[in-house]
Amino acid sequence: MTNYLLSVVQPTGGVPDPDVLAKIMVDVGAVNEQMRQAGVWVFGGGLHLPDTATTLRPDGRGDVLVIDGPYVETKEYLGGFTIIDVPDLDAALDWGRRLQSAITLPIEVRPFRD
């Protein structure tokens, strides 16, 4: 079995209307429950907006700079993630498709290194 990261690619610019978001949350909850029932769900969660981030960077002198906010400004950011443990890429893509249909945002599927 291999662990895969299913990353939610969130566009900047806000959150959907409450009614739309409520349906998405129900649908995502159903996919998460399916993953748990199938025994592939390892861990997952949503993230706060990028402006809540703190970035740590080397300062070139052996110390670390602490910077409020994201490292770079982008049009998209990591909005949440799910880690699954499945036999192969095809299985990961199947779960990624299900999650994408529920959340209605792009999902990046990436394996962890052994």
N, C-alpha and C. Protein backbone atom coordinates (compact mmCIF):
# COMPACT_ATOMS: atom_id res chain seq x y z
N MET A 1 0.85 -1.18 0.00
CA MET A 1 0.00 0.00 0.00
C MET A 1 0.90 1.25 0.00
N THR A 2 0.41 2.29 -0.63
CA THR A 2 1.13 3.54 -0.73
C THR A 2 0.25 4.67 -0.21
N ASN A 3 0.86 5.60 0.49
CA ASN A 3 0.13 6.79 0.93
C ASN A 3 0.13 7.82 -0.20
N TYR A 4 -1.03 8.42 -0.41
CA TYR A 4 -1.20 9.48 -1.40
C TYR A 4 -1.80 10.69 -0.71
N LEU A 5 -1.36 11.86 -1.15
CA LEU A 5 -1.91 13.13 -0.69
C LEU A 5 -2.90 13.62 -1.73
N LEU A 6 -4.13 13.83 -1.31
CA LEU A 6 -5.15 14.44 -2.16
C LEU A 6 -5.27 15.89 -1.71
N SER A 7 -4.69 16.81 -2.47
CA SER A 7 -4.66 18.23 -2.10
C SER A 7 -5.82 18.97 -2.74
N VAL A 8 -6.50 19.78 -1.96
CA VAL A 8 -7.58 20.63 -2.47
C VAL A 8 -6.96 21.93 -2.95
N VAL A 9 -7.11 22.23 -4.22
CA VAL A 9 -6.57 23.46 -4.81
C VAL A 9 -7.66 24.51 -4.74
N GLN A 10 -7.49 25.44 -3.81
CA GLN A 10 -8.50 26.46 -3.50
C GLN A 10 -8.16 27.76 -4.21
N PRO A 11 -9.09 28.33 -4.97
CA PRO A 11 -8.81 29.63 -5.58
C PRO A 11 -8.92 30.74 -4.53
N THR A 12 -8.13 31.79 -4.70
CA THR A 12 -8.26 32.93 -3.82
C THR A 12 -9.55 33.65 -4.15
N GLY A 13 -10.03 34.43 -3.23
CA GLY A 13 -11.21 35.23 -3.53
C GLY A 13 -12.46 34.88 -2.77
N GLY A 14 -12.33 34.09 -1.74
CA GLY A 14 -13.51 33.89 -0.91
C GLY A 14 -14.07 32.50 -0.90
N VAL A 15 -15.13 32.39 -0.14
CA VAL A 15 -15.81 31.12 0.12
C VAL A 15 -17.15 31.14 -0.60
N PRO A 16 -17.64 29.99 -1.05
CA PRO A 16 -18.96 29.97 -1.70
C PRO A 16 -20.07 30.43 -0.76
N ASP A 17 -21.23 30.72 -1.32
CA ASP A 17 -22.39 31.08 -0.53
C ASP A 17 -22.67 30.00 0.51
N PRO A 18 -23.23 30.35 1.66
CA PRO A 18 -23.48 29.37 2.72
C PRO A 18 -24.27 28.14 2.28
N ASP A 19 -25.28 28.31 1.44
CA ASP A 19 -26.05 27.15 0.98
C ASP A 19 -25.21 26.21 0.13
N VAL A 20 -24.40 26.78 -0.75
CA VAL A 20 -23.52 25.98 -1.60
C VAL A 20 -22.48 25.27 -0.73
N LEU A 21 -21.89 26.01 0.20
CA LEU A 21 -20.88 25.43 1.08
C LEU A 21 -21.45 24.31 1.94
N ALA A 22 -22.67 24.48 2.41
CA ALA A 22 -23.31 23.45 3.24
C ALA A 22 -23.44 22.14 2.46
N LYS A 23 -23.86 22.21 1.21
CA LYS A 23 -23.98 21.01 0.38
C LYS A 23 -22.62 20.38 0.14
N ILE A 24 -21.62 21.20 -0.14
CA ILE A 24 -20.26 20.68 -0.35
C ILE A 24 -19.79 19.94 0.89
N MET A 25 -20.02 20.52 2.06
CA MET A 25 -19.55 19.88 3.29
C MET A 25 -20.24 18.54 3.53
N VAL A 26 -21.52 18.45 3.22
CA VAL A 26 -22.25 17.17 3.34
C VAL A 26 -21.66 16.16 2.37
N ASP A 27 -21.43 16.59 1.12
CA ASP A 27 -20.89 15.69 0.10
C ASP A 27 -19.47 15.23 0.45
N VAL A 28 -18.64 16.14 0.92
CA VAL A 28 -17.28 15.77 1.32
C VAL A 28 -17.32 14.82 2.51
N GLY A 29 -18.19 15.09 3.46
CA GLY A 29 -18.34 14.19 4.61
C GLY A 29 -18.72 12.78 4.17
N ALA A 30 -19.57 12.68 3.15
CA ALA A 30 -19.97 11.36 2.65
C ALA A 30 -18.79 10.63 2.01
N VAL A 31 -17.97 11.35 1.23
CA VAL A 31 -16.79 10.73 0.61
C VAL A 31 -15.80 10.31 1.70
N ASN A 32 -15.59 11.16 2.69
CA ASN A 32 -14.68 10.82 3.79
C ASN A 32 -15.18 9.56 4.51
N GLU A 33 -16.48 9.44 4.71
CA GLU A 33 -17.03 8.26 5.36
C GLU A 33 -16.84 7.02 4.49
N GLN A 34 -16.99 7.18 3.18
CA GLN A 34 -16.73 6.06 2.27
C GLN A 34 -15.27 5.61 2.36
N MET A 35 -14.37 6.58 2.45
CA MET A 35 -12.95 6.25 2.60
C MET A 35 -12.70 5.50 3.89
N ARG A 36 -13.32 5.95 4.98
CA ARG A 36 -13.15 5.27 6.27
C ARG A 36 -13.69 3.84 6.19
N GLN A 37 -14.88 3.69 5.60
CA GLN A 37 -15.48 2.36 5.47
C GLN A 37 -14.61 1.43 4.63
N ALA A 38 -13.95 1.98 3.62
CA ALA A 38 -13.09 1.18 2.75
C ALA A 38 -11.73 0.92 3.39
N GLY A 39 -11.44 1.60 4.50
CA GLY A 39 -10.17 1.40 5.19
C GLY A 39 -8.98 2.08 4.55
N VAL A 40 -9.22 3.11 3.72
CA VAL A 40 -8.12 3.80 3.04
C VAL A 40 -7.82 5.18 3.64
N TRP A 41 -8.74 5.71 4.44
CA TRP A 41 -8.58 7.06 4.99
C TRP A 41 -7.53 7.04 6.10
N VAL A 42 -6.54 7.91 6.02
CA VAL A 42 -5.50 8.01 7.06
C VAL A 42 -5.71 9.28 7.88
N PHE A 43 -5.84 10.42 7.20
CA PHE A 43 -5.96 11.70 7.90
C PHE A 43 -6.39 12.75 6.89
N GLY A 44 -7.06 13.77 7.34
CA GLY A 44 -7.42 14.86 6.46
C GLY A 44 -7.90 16.06 7.24
N GLY A 45 -7.97 17.20 6.56
CA GLY A 45 -8.48 18.40 7.20
C GLY A 45 -8.43 19.59 6.28
N GLY A 46 -9.21 20.59 6.65
CA GLY A 46 -9.19 21.86 5.94
C GLY A 46 -8.23 22.82 6.61
N LEU A 47 -7.75 23.77 5.86
CA LEU A 47 -6.78 24.74 6.37
C LEU A 47 -7.39 26.14 6.39
N HIS A 48 -6.91 26.97 7.31
CA HIS A 48 -7.31 28.37 7.33
C HIS A 48 -6.72 29.07 6.11
N LEU A 49 -7.16 30.27 5.85
CA LEU A 49 -6.69 31.05 4.70
C LEU A 49 -5.19 31.31 4.80
N PRO A 50 -4.51 31.53 3.66
CA PRO A 50 -3.07 31.73 3.66
C PRO A 50 -2.59 32.89 4.53
N ASP A 51 -3.42 33.91 4.74
CA ASP A 51 -2.96 35.03 5.55
C ASP A 51 -2.78 34.66 7.02
N THR A 52 -3.18 33.46 7.41
CA THR A 52 -2.94 32.99 8.78
C THR A 52 -1.62 32.24 8.90
N ALA A 53 -0.93 32.05 7.77
CA ALA A 53 0.31 31.27 7.75
C ALA A 53 1.47 32.05 8.35
N THR A 54 2.44 31.32 8.82
CA THR A 54 3.74 31.86 9.22
C THR A 54 4.78 31.06 8.46
N THR A 55 5.66 31.76 7.76
CA THR A 55 6.67 31.11 6.95
C THR A 55 8.03 31.24 7.62
N LEU A 56 8.76 30.14 7.66
CA LEU A 56 10.11 30.12 8.21
C LEU A 56 11.09 29.97 7.05
N ARG A 57 12.07 30.89 6.96
CA ARG A 57 13.04 30.87 5.86
C ARG A 57 14.44 31.00 6.42
N PRO A 58 15.39 30.30 5.82
CA PRO A 58 16.78 30.51 6.24
C PRO A 58 17.21 31.93 5.88
N ASP A 59 17.98 32.54 6.77
CA ASP A 59 18.42 33.91 6.49
C ASP A 59 19.79 33.97 5.84
N GLY A 60 20.41 32.79 5.58
CA GLY A 60 21.72 32.77 4.94
C GLY A 60 22.87 32.92 5.91
N ARG A 61 22.57 33.15 7.19
CA ARG A 61 23.62 33.32 8.20
C ARG A 61 23.48 32.27 9.31
N GLY A 62 22.72 31.21 9.03
CA GLY A 62 22.56 30.16 10.01
C GLY A 62 21.38 30.36 10.94
N ASP A 63 20.58 31.38 10.70
CA ASP A 63 19.40 31.63 11.53
C ASP A 63 18.16 31.47 10.65
N VAL A 64 17.01 31.63 11.27
CA VAL A 64 15.74 31.47 10.58
C VAL A 64 14.92 32.74 10.70
N LEU A 65 14.43 33.22 9.55
CA LEU A 65 13.52 34.36 9.54
C LEU A 65 12.10 33.86 9.74
N VAL A 66 11.33 34.56 10.54
CA VAL A 66 9.92 34.25 10.76
C VAL A 66 9.12 35.35 10.08
N ILE A 67 8.31 34.94 9.10
CA ILE A 67 7.57 35.91 8.27
C ILE A 67 6.08 35.62 8.40
N ASP A 68 5.30 36.65 8.74
CA ASP A 68 3.85 36.48 8.77
C ASP A 68 3.33 36.35 7.35
N GLY A 69 2.40 35.44 7.17
CA GLY A 69 1.75 35.27 5.87
C GLY A 69 2.43 34.22 5.03
N PRO A 70 1.87 33.98 3.85
CA PRO A 70 2.41 32.95 2.97
C PRO A 70 3.75 33.36 2.37
N TYR A 71 4.46 32.37 1.86
CA TYR A 71 5.77 32.60 1.23
C TYR A 71 5.64 33.44 -0.03
N VAL A 72 4.64 33.15 -0.84
CA VAL A 72 4.40 33.90 -2.08
C VAL A 72 2.91 34.16 -2.23
N GLU A 73 2.58 35.14 -3.01
CA GLU A 73 1.17 35.37 -3.33
C GLU A 73 0.84 34.59 -4.58
N THR A 74 -0.29 33.90 -4.55
CA THR A 74 -0.69 33.08 -5.68
C THR A 74 -2.18 33.25 -5.96
N LYS A 75 -2.62 32.70 -7.06
CA LYS A 75 -4.04 32.72 -7.40
C LYS A 75 -4.75 31.53 -6.78
N GLU A 76 -3.96 30.53 -6.33
CA GLU A 76 -4.51 29.34 -5.71
C GLU A 76 -3.65 29.00 -4.50
N TYR A 77 -4.24 28.24 -3.59
CA TYR A 77 -3.49 27.82 -2.41
C TYR A 77 -4.02 26.47 -1.93
N LEU A 78 -3.28 25.85 -1.04
CA LEU A 78 -3.68 24.58 -0.46
C LEU A 78 -4.79 24.86 0.55
N GLY A 79 -6.00 24.42 0.22
CA GLY A 79 -7.15 24.70 1.07
C GLY A 79 -7.45 23.59 2.05
N GLY A 80 -6.98 22.40 1.76
CA GLY A 80 -7.19 21.25 2.62
C GLY A 80 -6.56 20.04 1.99
N PHE A 81 -6.63 18.92 2.69
CA PHE A 81 -5.98 17.73 2.18
C PHE A 81 -6.57 16.49 2.82
N THR A 82 -6.34 15.37 2.17
CA THR A 82 -6.68 14.06 2.69
C THR A 82 -5.52 13.14 2.36
N ILE A 83 -5.13 12.34 3.32
CA ILE A 83 -4.11 11.32 3.08
C ILE A 83 -4.80 9.97 3.07
N ILE A 84 -4.54 9.21 2.00
CA ILE A 84 -5.14 7.88 1.88
C ILE A 84 -4.04 6.84 1.72
N ASP A 85 -4.34 5.61 2.03
CA ASP A 85 -3.42 4.50 1.88
C ASP A 85 -4.07 3.48 0.96
N VAL A 86 -3.60 3.43 -0.28
CA VAL A 86 -4.22 2.59 -1.30
C VAL A 86 -3.15 1.80 -2.05
N PRO A 87 -3.56 0.76 -2.80
CA PRO A 87 -2.58 -0.09 -3.46
C PRO A 87 -1.80 0.55 -4.60
N ASP A 88 -2.43 1.52 -5.31
CA ASP A 88 -1.75 2.05 -6.49
C ASP A 88 -2.37 3.39 -6.91
N LEU A 89 -1.77 3.97 -7.95
CA LEU A 89 -2.22 5.27 -8.45
C LEU A 89 -3.66 5.22 -8.94
N ASP A 90 -4.05 4.13 -9.59
CA ASP A 90 -5.43 4.04 -10.08
C ASP A 90 -6.43 4.16 -8.94
N ALA A 91 -6.16 3.50 -7.83
CA ALA A 91 -7.06 3.59 -6.68
C ALA A 91 -7.06 5.01 -6.11
N ALA A 92 -5.87 5.63 -6.06
CA ALA A 92 -5.79 7.02 -5.57
C ALA A 92 -6.56 7.96 -6.46
N LEU A 93 -6.46 7.76 -7.77
CA LEU A 93 -7.20 8.62 -8.71
C LEU A 93 -8.70 8.42 -8.57
N ASP A 94 -9.12 7.19 -8.32
CA ASP A 94 -10.55 6.94 -8.11
C ASP A 94 -11.06 7.73 -6.91
N TRP A 95 -10.34 7.67 -5.79
CA TRP A 95 -10.76 8.44 -4.60
C TRP A 95 -10.64 9.93 -4.86
N GLY A 96 -9.61 10.35 -5.61
CA GLY A 96 -9.47 11.76 -5.97
C GLY A 96 -10.64 12.27 -6.79
N ARG A 97 -11.11 11.45 -7.72
CA ARG A 97 -12.28 11.82 -8.53
C ARG A 97 -13.52 11.98 -7.65
N ARG A 98 -13.69 11.07 -6.72
CA ARG A 98 -14.86 11.15 -5.83
C ARG A 98 -14.79 12.42 -4.98
N LEU A 99 -13.61 12.71 -4.45
CA LEU A 99 -13.45 13.92 -3.64
C LEU A 99 -13.66 15.17 -4.49
N GLN A 100 -13.13 15.17 -5.71
CA GLN A 100 -13.29 16.33 -6.58
C GLN A 100 -14.76 16.57 -6.90
N SER A 101 -15.50 15.51 -7.14
CA SER A 101 -16.93 15.65 -7.43
C SER A 101 -17.68 16.23 -6.23
N ALA A 102 -17.25 15.85 -5.04
CA ALA A 102 -17.91 16.35 -3.83
C ALA A 102 -17.54 17.80 -3.53
N ILE A 103 -16.26 18.12 -3.67
CA ILE A 103 -15.80 19.44 -3.24
C ILE A 103 -15.87 20.48 -4.36
N THR A 104 -15.97 20.03 -5.59
CA THR A 104 -16.10 20.87 -6.79
C THR A 104 -14.89 21.77 -7.05
N LEU A 105 -13.74 21.43 -6.50
CA LEU A 105 -12.49 22.15 -6.75
C LEU A 105 -11.47 21.15 -7.29
N PRO A 106 -10.41 21.66 -7.92
CA PRO A 106 -9.37 20.74 -8.39
C PRO A 106 -8.73 19.99 -7.22
N ILE A 107 -8.36 18.75 -7.49
CA ILE A 107 -7.68 17.91 -6.51
C ILE A 107 -6.36 17.45 -7.14
N GLU A 108 -5.26 17.68 -6.47
CA GLU A 108 -3.97 17.17 -6.91
C GLU A 108 -3.70 15.87 -6.17
N VAL A 109 -3.36 14.82 -6.91
CA VAL A 109 -3.07 13.51 -6.33
C VAL A 109 -1.57 13.28 -6.43
N ARG A 110 -0.92 13.04 -5.29
CA ARG A 110 0.53 12.88 -5.30
C ARG A 110 0.95 11.82 -4.29
N PRO A 111 1.82 10.87 -4.72
CA PRO A 111 2.27 9.85 -3.79
C PRO A 111 3.36 10.38 -2.84
N PHE A 112 3.40 9.79 -1.66
CA PHE A 112 4.51 10.06 -0.75
C PHE A 112 5.70 9.24 -1.19
N ARG A 113 6.89 9.72 -0.91
CA ARG A 113 8.11 8.94 -1.17
C ARG A 113 8.17 7.79 -0.17
N ASP A 114 8.74 6.69 -0.63
CA ASP A 114 8.91 5.54 0.29
C ASP A 114 9.96 5.84 1.32
